[in-house]
Amino acid sequence: MIDYRAVPFEEHVSGMDVVFDTVGGATLRRSWGVLKPGGRMITIAAESETTTDTRVKQAFFIVEPNHEQLIRIGDLLESGALHPVVDAVLPLTQASAAYTGEVRERRGRGKLVVTVAHGT
């Protein structure tokens, strides 16, 4: 485990077969250097969809929902076999800030959850 707030990950990681990037931007650019020759970069960062960088175009893919997989994930959550890491829970009114990364309450680890209140 590397505390990315304390040290740059690329100073401690090298020779990776695969990097799965969910952040994009500077993190994606820095990640190329940790791949071994022939290693594979995968990114789902939205900004990568419109890039002109050939390497990023080849690494980008869009995730499509799969009903059976979502049911299975729900079952794993309900059974306690899957333990998601939640960074912050936000009301729907802060969804835009969550999407654009402008949430100040973040601890830096885990997902943001946007709640939708019933009847509103």
N, C-alpha and C. Protein backbone atom coordinates (compact mmCIF):
# COMPACT_ATOMS: atom_id res chain seq x y z
N MET A 1 0.85 -1.16 0.00
CA MET A 1 0.00 0.00 0.00
C MET A 1 0.90 1.24 0.00
N ILE A 2 0.50 2.22 -0.77
CA ILE A 2 1.26 3.46 -0.88
C ILE A 2 0.35 4.62 -0.52
N ASP A 3 0.80 5.48 0.38
CA ASP A 3 0.04 6.68 0.71
C ASP A 3 0.36 7.72 -0.35
N TYR A 4 -0.50 7.84 -1.36
CA TYR A 4 -0.24 8.72 -2.49
C TYR A 4 -0.20 10.19 -2.08
N ARG A 5 -0.71 10.51 -0.90
CA ARG A 5 -0.63 11.90 -0.43
C ARG A 5 0.75 12.23 0.10
N ALA A 6 1.51 11.20 0.50
CA ALA A 6 2.83 11.41 1.08
C ALA A 6 3.96 11.26 0.07
N VAL A 7 3.79 10.33 -0.89
CA VAL A 7 4.85 10.09 -1.87
C VAL A 7 4.23 9.80 -3.24
N PRO A 8 4.89 10.18 -4.31
CA PRO A 8 4.39 9.85 -5.65
C PRO A 8 4.48 8.33 -5.87
N PHE A 9 3.37 7.72 -6.28
CA PHE A 9 3.35 6.27 -6.46
C PHE A 9 4.39 5.79 -7.45
N GLU A 10 4.66 6.59 -8.49
CA GLU A 10 5.58 6.14 -9.53
C GLU A 10 7.02 6.05 -9.04
N GLU A 11 7.31 6.58 -7.86
CA GLU A 11 8.65 6.43 -7.29
C GLU A 11 8.82 5.09 -6.59
N HIS A 12 7.71 4.37 -6.36
CA HIS A 12 7.76 3.12 -5.61
C HIS A 12 7.19 1.93 -6.37
N VAL A 13 6.68 2.17 -7.57
CA VAL A 13 6.05 1.11 -8.34
C VAL A 13 6.68 1.07 -9.73
N SER A 14 6.96 -0.13 -10.22
CA SER A 14 7.48 -0.28 -11.59
C SER A 14 7.22 -1.71 -12.04
N GLY A 15 7.36 -1.94 -13.33
CA GLY A 15 7.24 -3.27 -13.88
C GLY A 15 5.85 -3.88 -13.80
N MET A 16 4.83 -3.05 -13.85
CA MET A 16 3.45 -3.55 -13.75
C MET A 16 2.98 -4.15 -15.07
N ASP A 17 2.26 -5.25 -14.99
CA ASP A 17 1.65 -5.86 -16.17
C ASP A 17 0.46 -5.03 -16.64
N VAL A 18 -0.34 -4.56 -15.68
CA VAL A 18 -1.57 -3.83 -16.00
C VAL A 18 -1.75 -2.70 -15.01
N VAL A 19 -2.18 -1.55 -15.52
CA VAL A 19 -2.62 -0.43 -14.68
C VAL A 19 -4.05 -0.13 -15.06
N PHE A 20 -4.94 -0.10 -14.06
CA PHE A 20 -6.34 0.23 -14.27
C PHE A 20 -6.56 1.62 -13.69
N ASP A 21 -6.70 2.62 -14.56
CA ASP A 21 -6.83 4.02 -14.17
C ASP A 21 -8.30 4.41 -14.12
N THR A 22 -8.71 4.98 -13.00
CA THR A 22 -10.08 5.49 -12.87
C THR A 22 -10.09 7.00 -12.65
N VAL A 23 -8.92 7.63 -12.71
CA VAL A 23 -8.79 9.05 -12.38
C VAL A 23 -8.55 9.90 -13.63
N GLY A 24 -7.62 9.49 -14.47
CA GLY A 24 -7.27 10.26 -15.65
C GLY A 24 -6.32 11.39 -15.33
N GLY A 25 -6.20 12.32 -16.26
CA GLY A 25 -5.37 13.51 -16.06
C GLY A 25 -3.94 13.19 -15.73
N ALA A 26 -3.40 13.89 -14.73
CA ALA A 26 -2.00 13.73 -14.34
C ALA A 26 -1.72 12.31 -13.84
N THR A 27 -2.68 11.71 -13.15
CA THR A 27 -2.48 10.35 -12.65
C THR A 27 -2.30 9.38 -13.82
N LEU A 28 -3.10 9.52 -14.86
CA LEU A 28 -2.96 8.67 -16.04
C LEU A 28 -1.60 8.90 -16.70
N ARG A 29 -1.21 10.16 -16.87
CA ARG A 29 0.08 10.46 -17.51
C ARG A 29 1.25 9.86 -16.70
N ARG A 30 1.18 9.94 -15.39
CA ARG A 30 2.25 9.40 -14.54
C ARG A 30 2.24 7.87 -14.53
N SER A 31 1.09 7.26 -14.79
CA SER A 31 0.97 5.80 -14.72
C SER A 31 1.68 5.09 -15.85
N TRP A 32 1.84 5.72 -17.00
CA TRP A 32 2.49 5.05 -18.13
C TRP A 32 3.89 4.57 -17.75
N GLY A 33 4.58 5.34 -16.92
CA GLY A 33 5.95 5.00 -16.56
C GLY A 33 6.10 3.80 -15.65
N VAL A 34 5.02 3.32 -15.04
CA VAL A 34 5.13 2.16 -14.15
C VAL A 34 4.87 0.84 -14.86
N LEU A 35 4.46 0.92 -16.13
CA LEU A 35 4.21 -0.31 -16.90
C LEU A 35 5.52 -0.93 -17.36
N LYS A 36 5.56 -2.26 -17.36
CA LYS A 36 6.71 -2.94 -17.94
C LYS A 36 6.55 -2.92 -19.46
N PRO A 37 7.61 -3.18 -20.22
CA PRO A 37 7.47 -3.24 -21.67
C PRO A 37 6.39 -4.26 -22.04
N GLY A 38 5.46 -3.85 -22.86
CA GLY A 38 4.36 -4.72 -23.25
C GLY A 38 3.20 -4.70 -22.26
N GLY A 39 3.33 -3.92 -21.17
CA GLY A 39 2.25 -3.81 -20.19
C GLY A 39 1.04 -3.11 -20.78
N ARG A 40 -0.08 -3.23 -20.12
CA ARG A 40 -1.36 -2.72 -20.66
C ARG A 40 -1.96 -1.69 -19.72
N MET A 41 -2.32 -0.55 -20.27
CA MET A 41 -3.02 0.50 -19.55
C MET A 41 -4.50 0.40 -19.88
N ILE A 42 -5.34 0.49 -18.86
CA ILE A 42 -6.79 0.54 -19.04
C ILE A 42 -7.29 1.75 -18.28
N THR A 43 -8.09 2.58 -18.94
CA THR A 43 -8.64 3.75 -18.26
C THR A 43 -10.13 3.88 -18.56
N ILE A 44 -10.87 4.32 -17.56
CA ILE A 44 -12.29 4.60 -17.74
C ILE A 44 -12.57 6.08 -17.49
N ALA A 45 -11.51 6.88 -17.32
CA ALA A 45 -11.67 8.31 -17.06
C ALA A 45 -12.37 8.98 -18.24
N ALA A 46 -13.43 9.70 -17.96
CA ALA A 46 -14.29 10.27 -19.00
C ALA A 46 -13.52 11.15 -19.97
N GLU A 47 -12.54 11.89 -19.51
CA GLU A 47 -11.78 12.78 -20.40
C GLU A 47 -11.02 12.02 -21.48
N SER A 48 -10.76 10.75 -21.24
CA SER A 48 -10.00 9.93 -22.19
C SER A 48 -10.78 9.63 -23.46
N GLU A 49 -12.09 9.73 -23.40
CA GLU A 49 -12.94 9.40 -24.54
C GLU A 49 -12.67 10.31 -25.74
N THR A 50 -12.32 11.57 -25.49
CA THR A 50 -12.14 12.53 -26.57
C THR A 50 -10.68 12.90 -26.83
N THR A 51 -9.76 12.14 -26.27
CA THR A 51 -8.34 12.46 -26.41
C THR A 51 -7.84 12.25 -27.84
N THR A 52 -6.74 12.90 -28.16
CA THR A 52 -6.07 12.67 -29.44
C THR A 52 -4.82 11.81 -29.25
N ASP A 53 -4.46 11.51 -28.00
CA ASP A 53 -3.30 10.67 -27.69
C ASP A 53 -3.64 9.22 -28.03
N THR A 54 -2.93 8.65 -28.98
CA THR A 54 -3.20 7.29 -29.46
C THR A 54 -3.10 6.27 -28.33
N ARG A 55 -2.11 6.42 -27.45
CA ARG A 55 -1.98 5.47 -26.34
C ARG A 55 -3.23 5.47 -25.47
N VAL A 56 -3.75 6.65 -25.17
CA VAL A 56 -4.92 6.75 -24.30
C VAL A 56 -6.15 6.22 -25.03
N LYS A 57 -6.28 6.51 -26.33
CA LYS A 57 -7.41 5.98 -27.10
C LYS A 57 -7.44 4.46 -27.05
N GLN A 58 -6.28 3.84 -27.16
CA GLN A 58 -6.21 2.38 -27.12
C GLN A 58 -6.50 1.84 -25.73
N ALA A 59 -6.25 2.63 -24.70
CA ALA A 59 -6.45 2.18 -23.32
C ALA A 59 -7.87 2.43 -22.83
N PHE A 60 -8.61 3.34 -23.48
CA PHE A 60 -9.92 3.74 -23.00
C PHE A 60 -11.00 2.73 -23.36
N PHE A 61 -11.91 2.49 -22.44
CA PHE A 61 -13.08 1.71 -22.77
C PHE A 61 -14.27 2.22 -21.96
N ILE A 62 -15.44 1.96 -22.48
CA ILE A 62 -16.69 2.36 -21.84
C ILE A 62 -17.29 1.14 -21.17
N VAL A 63 -17.72 1.30 -19.95
CA VAL A 63 -18.34 0.21 -19.20
C VAL A 63 -19.83 0.21 -19.49
N GLU A 64 -20.34 -0.93 -19.87
CA GLU A 64 -21.78 -1.08 -20.13
C GLU A 64 -22.40 -1.88 -18.99
N PRO A 65 -23.59 -1.50 -18.52
CA PRO A 65 -24.22 -2.25 -17.43
C PRO A 65 -24.63 -3.64 -17.88
N ASN A 66 -24.52 -4.59 -16.97
CA ASN A 66 -24.91 -5.97 -17.23
C ASN A 66 -25.84 -6.40 -16.10
N HIS A 67 -27.08 -6.70 -16.43
CA HIS A 67 -28.10 -7.01 -15.43
C HIS A 67 -27.68 -8.14 -14.50
N GLU A 68 -27.20 -9.24 -15.05
CA GLU A 68 -26.82 -10.39 -14.23
C GLU A 68 -25.68 -10.05 -13.28
N GLN A 69 -24.69 -9.30 -13.78
CA GLN A 69 -23.57 -8.93 -12.93
C GLN A 69 -24.02 -8.00 -11.81
N LEU A 70 -24.91 -7.06 -12.12
CA LEU A 70 -25.40 -6.14 -11.10
C LEU A 70 -26.20 -6.88 -10.02
N ILE A 71 -26.98 -7.87 -10.41
CA ILE A 71 -27.72 -8.70 -9.44
C ILE A 71 -26.73 -9.43 -8.54
N ARG A 72 -25.71 -10.02 -9.14
CA ARG A 72 -24.69 -10.75 -8.37
C ARG A 72 -23.96 -9.81 -7.40
N ILE A 73 -23.60 -8.62 -7.84
CA ILE A 73 -22.95 -7.65 -6.97
C ILE A 73 -23.88 -7.28 -5.81
N GLY A 74 -25.16 -7.07 -6.10
CA GLY A 74 -26.13 -6.78 -5.06
C GLY A 74 -26.20 -7.90 -4.03
N ASP A 75 -26.19 -9.15 -4.51
CA ASP A 75 -26.21 -10.31 -3.62
C ASP A 75 -24.95 -10.33 -2.74
N LEU A 76 -23.80 -10.04 -3.32
CA LEU A 76 -22.55 -10.01 -2.55
C LEU A 76 -22.58 -8.92 -1.48
N LEU A 77 -23.14 -7.76 -1.83
CA LEU A 77 -23.27 -6.68 -0.85
C LEU A 77 -24.19 -7.09 0.30
N GLU A 78 -25.34 -7.64 -0.04
CA GLU A 78 -26.31 -8.05 0.98
C GLU A 78 -25.77 -9.14 1.89
N SER A 79 -24.98 -10.05 1.36
CA SER A 79 -24.43 -11.14 2.16
C SER A 79 -23.25 -10.71 3.02
N GLY A 80 -22.71 -9.54 2.75
CA GLY A 80 -21.55 -9.07 3.50
C GLY A 80 -20.23 -9.56 2.94
N ALA A 81 -20.25 -10.27 1.81
CA ALA A 81 -19.02 -10.77 1.20
C ALA A 81 -18.24 -9.66 0.49
N LEU A 82 -18.91 -8.59 0.14
CA LEU A 82 -18.29 -7.45 -0.54
C LEU A 82 -18.38 -6.25 0.38
N HIS A 83 -17.24 -5.61 0.60
CA HIS A 83 -17.18 -4.48 1.52
C HIS A 83 -16.72 -3.22 0.77
N PRO A 84 -17.65 -2.42 0.26
CA PRO A 84 -17.26 -1.21 -0.46
C PRO A 84 -16.65 -0.18 0.49
N VAL A 85 -15.72 0.59 -0.02
CA VAL A 85 -15.10 1.67 0.75
C VAL A 85 -15.79 2.96 0.34
N VAL A 86 -16.47 3.59 1.28
CA VAL A 86 -17.20 4.83 1.01
C VAL A 86 -16.43 5.98 1.63
N ASP A 87 -16.08 6.93 0.81
CA ASP A 87 -15.34 8.11 1.26
C ASP A 87 -16.28 9.14 1.88
N ALA A 88 -17.39 9.44 1.21
CA ALA A 88 -18.33 10.44 1.71
C ALA A 88 -19.71 10.16 1.13
N VAL A 89 -20.73 10.51 1.91
CA VAL A 89 -22.12 10.39 1.47
C VAL A 89 -22.66 11.81 1.33
N LEU A 90 -23.15 12.11 0.14
CA LEU A 90 -23.59 13.48 -0.16
C LEU A 90 -25.05 13.50 -0.59
N PRO A 91 -25.74 14.60 -0.31
CA PRO A 91 -27.12 14.73 -0.81
C PRO A 91 -27.11 14.99 -2.31
N LEU A 92 -28.24 14.73 -2.94
CA LEU A 92 -28.37 14.93 -4.38
C LEU A 92 -27.99 16.35 -4.79
N THR A 93 -28.21 17.31 -3.94
CA THR A 93 -27.88 18.71 -4.26
C THR A 93 -26.38 18.92 -4.49
N GLN A 94 -25.54 17.98 -4.03
CA GLN A 94 -24.09 18.09 -4.23
C GLN A 94 -23.58 17.13 -5.32
N ALA A 95 -24.49 16.56 -6.09
CA ALA A 95 -24.09 15.61 -7.13
C ALA A 95 -23.13 16.23 -8.14
N SER A 96 -23.38 17.46 -8.51
CA SER A 96 -22.51 18.13 -9.48
C SER A 96 -21.09 18.25 -8.92
N ALA A 97 -20.97 18.63 -7.68
CA ALA A 97 -19.65 18.76 -7.05
C ALA A 97 -18.96 17.39 -6.95
N ALA A 98 -19.74 16.35 -6.69
CA ALA A 98 -19.17 15.00 -6.62
C ALA A 98 -18.62 14.59 -7.98
N TYR A 99 -19.37 14.87 -9.04
CA TYR A 99 -18.96 14.49 -10.39
C TYR A 99 -17.71 15.24 -10.84
N THR A 100 -17.62 16.51 -10.50
CA THR A 100 -16.50 17.33 -10.97
C THR A 100 -15.29 17.30 -10.03
N GLY A 101 -15.40 16.58 -8.92
CA GLY A 101 -14.27 16.46 -8.00
C GLY A 101 -14.10 17.64 -7.07
N GLU A 102 -15.13 18.42 -6.87
CA GLU A 102 -15.05 19.61 -6.04
C GLU A 102 -15.52 19.38 -4.60
N VAL A 103 -15.60 18.13 -4.19
CA VAL A 103 -16.05 17.82 -2.82
C VAL A 103 -14.88 18.01 -1.86
N ARG A 104 -15.07 18.87 -0.88
CA ARG A 104 -13.99 19.19 0.05
C ARG A 104 -13.91 18.22 1.23
N GLU A 105 -14.97 17.50 1.51
CA GLU A 105 -15.02 16.61 2.67
C GLU A 105 -14.31 15.28 2.43
N ARG A 106 -13.71 15.10 1.28
CA ARG A 106 -13.11 13.79 0.94
C ARG A 106 -11.90 13.48 1.81
N ARG A 107 -11.77 12.21 2.13
CA ARG A 107 -10.61 11.71 2.85
C ARG A 107 -9.58 11.14 1.88
N GLY A 108 -9.99 10.97 0.62
CA GLY A 108 -9.05 10.51 -0.40
C GLY A 108 -9.07 9.02 -0.68
N ARG A 109 -9.98 8.29 -0.05
CA ARG A 109 -10.03 6.85 -0.27
C ARG A 109 -11.49 6.42 -0.35
N GLY A 110 -11.84 5.72 -1.38
CA GLY A 110 -13.19 5.21 -1.50
C GLY A 110 -14.06 6.01 -2.45
N LYS A 111 -15.29 5.59 -2.54
CA LYS A 111 -16.25 6.17 -3.48
C LYS A 111 -17.11 7.24 -2.81
N LEU A 112 -17.59 8.13 -3.64
CA LEU A 112 -18.59 9.09 -3.20
C LEU A 112 -19.96 8.49 -3.46
N VAL A 113 -20.86 8.62 -2.50
CA VAL A 113 -22.21 8.12 -2.64
C VAL A 113 -23.16 9.30 -2.62
N VAL A 114 -24.01 9.38 -3.61
CA VAL A 114 -25.02 10.44 -3.68
C VAL A 114 -26.36 9.83 -3.27
N THR A 115 -26.97 10.41 -2.25
CA THR A 115 -28.25 9.89 -1.77
C THR A 115 -29.41 10.67 -2.37
N VAL A 116 -30.48 9.96 -2.62
CA VAL A 116 -31.70 10.56 -3.13
C VAL A 116 -32.78 10.27 -2.09
N ALA A 117 -33.31 11.32 -1.48
CA ALA A 117 -34.33 11.14 -0.44
C ALA A 117 -35.66 10.79 -1.09
N HIS A 118 -36.40 9.89 -0.47
CA HIS A 118 -37.72 9.50 -0.96
C HIS A 118 -38.69 10.67 -0.81
N GLY A 119 -39.54 10.87 -1.80
CA GLY A 119 -40.57 11.89 -1.72
C GLY A 119 -40.12 13.31 -1.96
N THR A 120 -38.89 13.49 -2.46
CA THR A 120 -38.44 14.86 -2.73
C THR A 120 -38.24 15.06 -4.21
